[in-house]
Amino acid sequence: MSRIDDLIAELCPDLPAGRQVGWSDPAELPCENDSWYAYVLLCNDGTLYKGFTTNLKARYLRHLSGDGAAHTRKHQPLCVLYYETCENEQDAVQREKYLKSGSGREWLKRKIKETSHVRN
């Protein structure tokens, strides 16, 4: 199992075997600048970073290069664990705040289980 698989198993221990979440290849991420995104990164020590942006691909690449947030400079991102499109900046900010809350963290665990897909 990869480090990503191990950390996701710790985060969601009841995730069915052979399932995965997360996008580690930036080419798989949206790069449109006309939408807002709220997103969650899984870092190499198991911590989660939540943020928002208008270009998810570019922002993820900045996090990977060490030019992102202070948290991701100290805790290397492994993948985009989850993201969603928002109507506008205000909605993206509110969604980020929710994902940082206790109920948001629980919701995220449930969502990971629902949206995981079969590993190739």
C-alpha atoms as a PDB file:
ATOM      1  CA  MET A   1       0.000   0.000   0.000  1.00  0.00           C
ATOM      2  CA  SER A   2       1.131   3.534  -0.688  1.00  0.00           C
ATOM      3  CA  ARG A   3       1.531   6.252   1.923  1.00  0.00           C
ATOM      4  CA  ILE A   4      -1.659   7.866   0.601  1.00  0.00           C
ATOM      5  CA  ASP A   5      -3.553   4.584   1.057  1.00  0.00           C
ATOM      6  CA  ASP A   6      -2.218   4.207   4.604  1.00  0.00           C
ATOM      7  CA  LEU A   7      -3.222   7.742   5.611  1.00  0.00           C
ATOM      8  CA  ILE A   8      -6.678   7.460   4.059  1.00  0.00           C
ATOM      9  CA  ALA A   9      -7.187   4.161   5.910  1.00  0.00           C
ATOM     10  CA  GLU A  10      -6.356   5.965   9.172  1.00  0.00           C
ATOM     11  CA  LEU A  11      -8.710   8.824   8.325  1.00  0.00           C
ATOM     12  CA  CYS A  12     -11.574   6.528   7.243  1.00  0.00           C
ATOM     13  CA  PRO A  13     -10.915   3.073   8.711  1.00  0.00           C
ATOM     14  CA  ASP A  14     -14.176   1.645   7.342  1.00  0.00           C
ATOM     15  CA  LEU A  15     -13.474   2.612   3.726  1.00  0.00           C
ATOM     16  CA  PRO A  16     -13.963  -0.572   1.662  1.00  0.00           C
ATOM     17  CA  ALA A  17     -10.782  -2.325   0.546  1.00  0.00           C
ATOM     18  CA  GLY A  18      -9.699  -1.594  -3.012  1.00  0.00           C
ATOM     19  CA  ARG A  19     -11.260   1.876  -2.968  1.00  0.00           C
ATOM     20  CA  GLN A  20      -9.427   5.168  -3.255  1.00  0.00           C
ATOM     21  CA  VAL A  21      -9.923   8.878  -3.073  1.00  0.00           C
ATOM     22  CA  GLY A  22      -7.532  11.643  -3.880  1.00  0.00           C
ATOM     23  CA  TRP A  23      -5.869  13.052  -6.951  1.00  0.00           C
ATOM     24  CA  SER A  24      -2.078  13.204  -6.816  1.00  0.00           C
ATOM     25  CA  ASP A  25      -1.610  13.950 -10.529  1.00  0.00           C
ATOM     26  CA  PRO A  26      -2.166  17.681 -11.166  1.00  0.00           C
ATOM     27  CA  ALA A  27      -3.238  16.873 -14.740  1.00  0.00           C
ATOM     28  CA  GLU A  28      -6.427  15.335 -13.318  1.00  0.00           C
ATOM     29  CA  LEU A  29      -7.469  18.588 -11.617  1.00  0.00           C
ATOM     30  CA  PRO A  30      -9.632  21.377 -13.047  1.00  0.00           C
ATOM     31  CA  CYS A  31      -7.788  24.525 -14.071  1.00  0.00           C
ATOM     32  CA  GLU A  32     -10.593  26.892 -15.076  1.00  0.00           C
ATOM     33  CA  ASN A  33     -10.281  30.398 -13.650  1.00  0.00           C
ATOM     34  CA  ASP A  34     -13.997  31.184 -13.836  1.00  0.00           C
ATOM     35  CA  SER A  35     -14.995  28.928 -10.924  1.00  0.00           C
ATOM     36  CA  TRP A  36     -14.197  28.900  -7.227  1.00  0.00           C
ATOM     37  CA  TYR A  37     -13.153  25.708  -5.458  1.00  0.00           C
ATOM     38  CA  ALA A  38     -13.018  24.616  -1.839  1.00  0.00           C
ATOM     39  CA  TYR A  39     -10.482  21.823  -1.426  1.00  0.00           C
ATOM     40  CA  VAL A  40      -8.803  19.521   1.081  1.00  0.00           C
ATOM     41  CA  LEU A  41      -5.205  18.318   0.800  1.00  0.00           C
ATOM     42  CA  LEU A  42      -3.879  15.201   2.504  1.00  0.00           C
ATOM     43  CA  CYS A  43      -0.349  15.819   3.804  1.00  0.00           C
ATOM     44  CA  ASN A  44       2.448  13.310   4.395  1.00  0.00           C
ATOM     45  CA  ASP A  45       1.968  13.288   8.179  1.00  0.00           C
ATOM     46  CA  GLY A  46      -1.781  12.664   7.960  1.00  0.00           C
ATOM     47  CA  THR A  47      -2.812  16.271   8.521  1.00  0.00           C
ATOM     48  CA  LEU A  48      -5.402  17.888   6.299  1.00  0.00           C
ATOM     49  CA  TYR A  49      -5.149  21.338   4.779  1.00  0.00           C
ATOM     50  CA  LYS A  50      -8.337  23.113   3.703  1.00  0.00           C
ATOM     51  CA  GLY A  51      -8.359  26.029   1.297  1.00  0.00           C
ATOM     52  CA  PHE A  52     -10.117  27.752  -1.575  1.00  0.00           C
ATOM     53  CA  THR A  53      -8.960  28.984  -4.969  1.00  0.00           C
ATOM     54  CA  THR A  54     -10.019  29.867  -8.497  1.00  0.00           C
ATOM     55  CA  ASN A  55      -7.505  27.521 -10.162  1.00  0.00           C
ATOM     56  CA  LEU A  56      -7.196  24.228  -8.327  1.00  0.00           C
ATOM     57  CA  LYS A  57      -4.463  22.794 -10.520  1.00  0.00           C
ATOM     58  CA  ALA A  58      -2.210  25.871 -10.217  1.00  0.00           C
ATOM     59  CA  ARG A  59      -2.822  26.161  -6.470  1.00  0.00           C
ATOM     60  CA  TYR A  60      -1.993  22.489  -5.884  1.00  0.00           C
ATOM     61  CA  LEU A  61       1.229  22.890  -7.876  1.00  0.00           C
ATOM     62  CA  ARG A  62       2.126  25.911  -5.707  1.00  0.00           C
ATOM     63  CA  HIS A  63       1.553  23.833  -2.570  1.00  0.00           C
ATOM     64  CA  LEU A  64       3.751  21.051  -3.984  1.00  0.00           C
ATOM     65  CA  SER A  65       6.554  23.471  -4.865  1.00  0.00           C
ATOM     66  CA  GLY A  66       6.648  24.962  -1.358  1.00  0.00           C
ATOM     67  CA  ASP A  67       5.127  28.238  -2.526  1.00  0.00           C
ATOM     68  CA  GLY A  68       1.728  27.578  -0.947  1.00  0.00           C
ATOM     69  CA  ALA A  69       0.468  28.042   2.582  1.00  0.00           C
ATOM     70  CA  ALA A  70       2.707  27.872   5.658  1.00  0.00           C
ATOM     71  CA  HIS A  71       1.066  24.569   6.640  1.00  0.00           C
ATOM     72  CA  THR A  72       1.923  22.893   3.344  1.00  0.00           C
ATOM     73  CA  ARG A  73       5.508  24.150   3.517  1.00  0.00           C
ATOM     74  CA  LYS A  74       5.884  22.239   6.803  1.00  0.00           C
ATOM     75  CA  HIS A  75       3.658  19.278   5.885  1.00  0.00           C
ATOM     76  CA  GLN A  76       4.249  18.104   2.302  1.00  0.00           C
ATOM     77  CA  PRO A  77       0.978  17.548   0.411  1.00  0.00           C
ATOM     78  CA  LEU A  78       0.439  14.092  -1.055  1.00  0.00           C
ATOM     79  CA  CYS A  79      -2.832  14.598  -2.897  1.00  0.00           C
ATOM     80  CA  VAL A  80      -5.996  16.615  -3.259  1.00  0.00           C
ATOM     81  CA  LEU A  81      -8.248  14.509  -1.071  1.00  0.00           C
ATOM     82  CA  TYR A  82     -11.474  16.315  -1.942  1.00  0.00           C
ATOM     83  CA  TYR A  83     -12.668  19.359  -3.854  1.00  0.00           C
ATOM     84  CA  GLU A  84     -15.937  20.940  -4.861  1.00  0.00           C
ATOM     85  CA  THR A  85     -16.975  23.785  -7.140  1.00  0.00           C
ATOM     86  CA  CYS A  86     -18.568  26.839  -5.517  1.00  0.00           C
ATOM     87  CA  GLU A  87     -20.706  29.591  -7.044  1.00  0.00           C
ATOM     88  CA  ASN A  88     -18.486  32.475  -5.891  1.00  0.00           C
ATOM     89  CA  GLU A  89     -15.679  33.464  -3.528  1.00  0.00           C
ATOM     90  CA  GLN A  90     -18.009  33.976  -0.566  1.00  0.00           C
ATOM     91  CA  ASP A  91     -19.430  30.459  -0.959  1.00  0.00           C
ATOM     92  CA  ALA A  92     -15.909  29.002  -1.241  1.00  0.00           C
ATOM     93  CA  VAL A  93     -14.808  30.803   1.946  1.00  0.00           C
ATOM     94  CA  GLN A  94     -17.891  29.578   3.807  1.00  0.00           C
ATOM     95  CA  ARG A  95     -17.344  26.039   2.565  1.00  0.00           C
ATOM     96  CA  GLU A  96     -13.708  26.114   3.695  1.00  0.00           C
ATOM     97  CA  LYS A  97     -14.831  27.270   7.153  1.00  0.00           C
ATOM     98  CA  TYR A  98     -17.359  24.449   7.310  1.00  0.00           C
ATOM     99  CA  LEU A  99     -14.764  21.843   6.292  1.00  0.00           C
ATOM    100  CA  LYS A 100     -12.554  23.091   9.147  1.00  0.00           C
ATOM    101  CA  SER A 101     -15.350  22.651  11.721  1.00  0.00           C
ATOM    102  CA  GLY A 102     -16.017  19.479  13.694  1.00  0.00           C
ATOM    103  CA  SER A 103     -19.196  18.718  11.775  1.00  0.00           C
ATOM    104  CA  GLY A 104     -17.380  19.494   8.535  1.00  0.00           C
ATOM    105  CA  ARG A 105     -14.636  16.986   9.367  1.00  0.00           C
ATOM    106  CA  GLU A 106     -17.255  14.309  10.061  1.00  0.00           C
ATOM    107  CA  TRP A 107     -19.071  15.183   6.839  1.00  0.00           C
ATOM    108  CA  LEU A 108     -15.785  14.910   4.941  1.00  0.00           C
ATOM    109  CA  LYS A 109     -15.155  11.397   6.283  1.00  0.00           C
ATOM    110  CA  ARG A 110     -18.618  10.310   5.108  1.00  0.00           C
ATOM    111  CA  LYS A 111     -18.122  11.998   1.736  1.00  0.00           C
ATOM    112  CA  ILE A 112     -14.780  10.251   1.216  1.00  0.00           C
ATOM    113  CA  LYS A 113     -16.485   6.899   1.695  1.00  0.00           C
ATOM    114  CA  GLU A 114     -19.296   7.836  -0.717  1.00  0.00           C
ATOM    115  CA  THR A 115     -17.105   9.218  -3.485  1.00  0.00           C
ATOM    116  CA  SER A 116     -14.211   6.786  -3.374  1.00  0.00           C
ATOM    117  CA  HIS A 117     -13.678   4.848  -6.561  1.00  0.00           C
ATOM    118  CA  VAL A 118     -12.239   1.465  -7.427  1.00  0.00           C
ATOM    119  CA  ARG A 119      -8.459   1.459  -7.711  1.00  0.00           C
ATOM    120  CA  ASN A 120      -7.168   0.293 -11.092  1.00  0.00           C
END
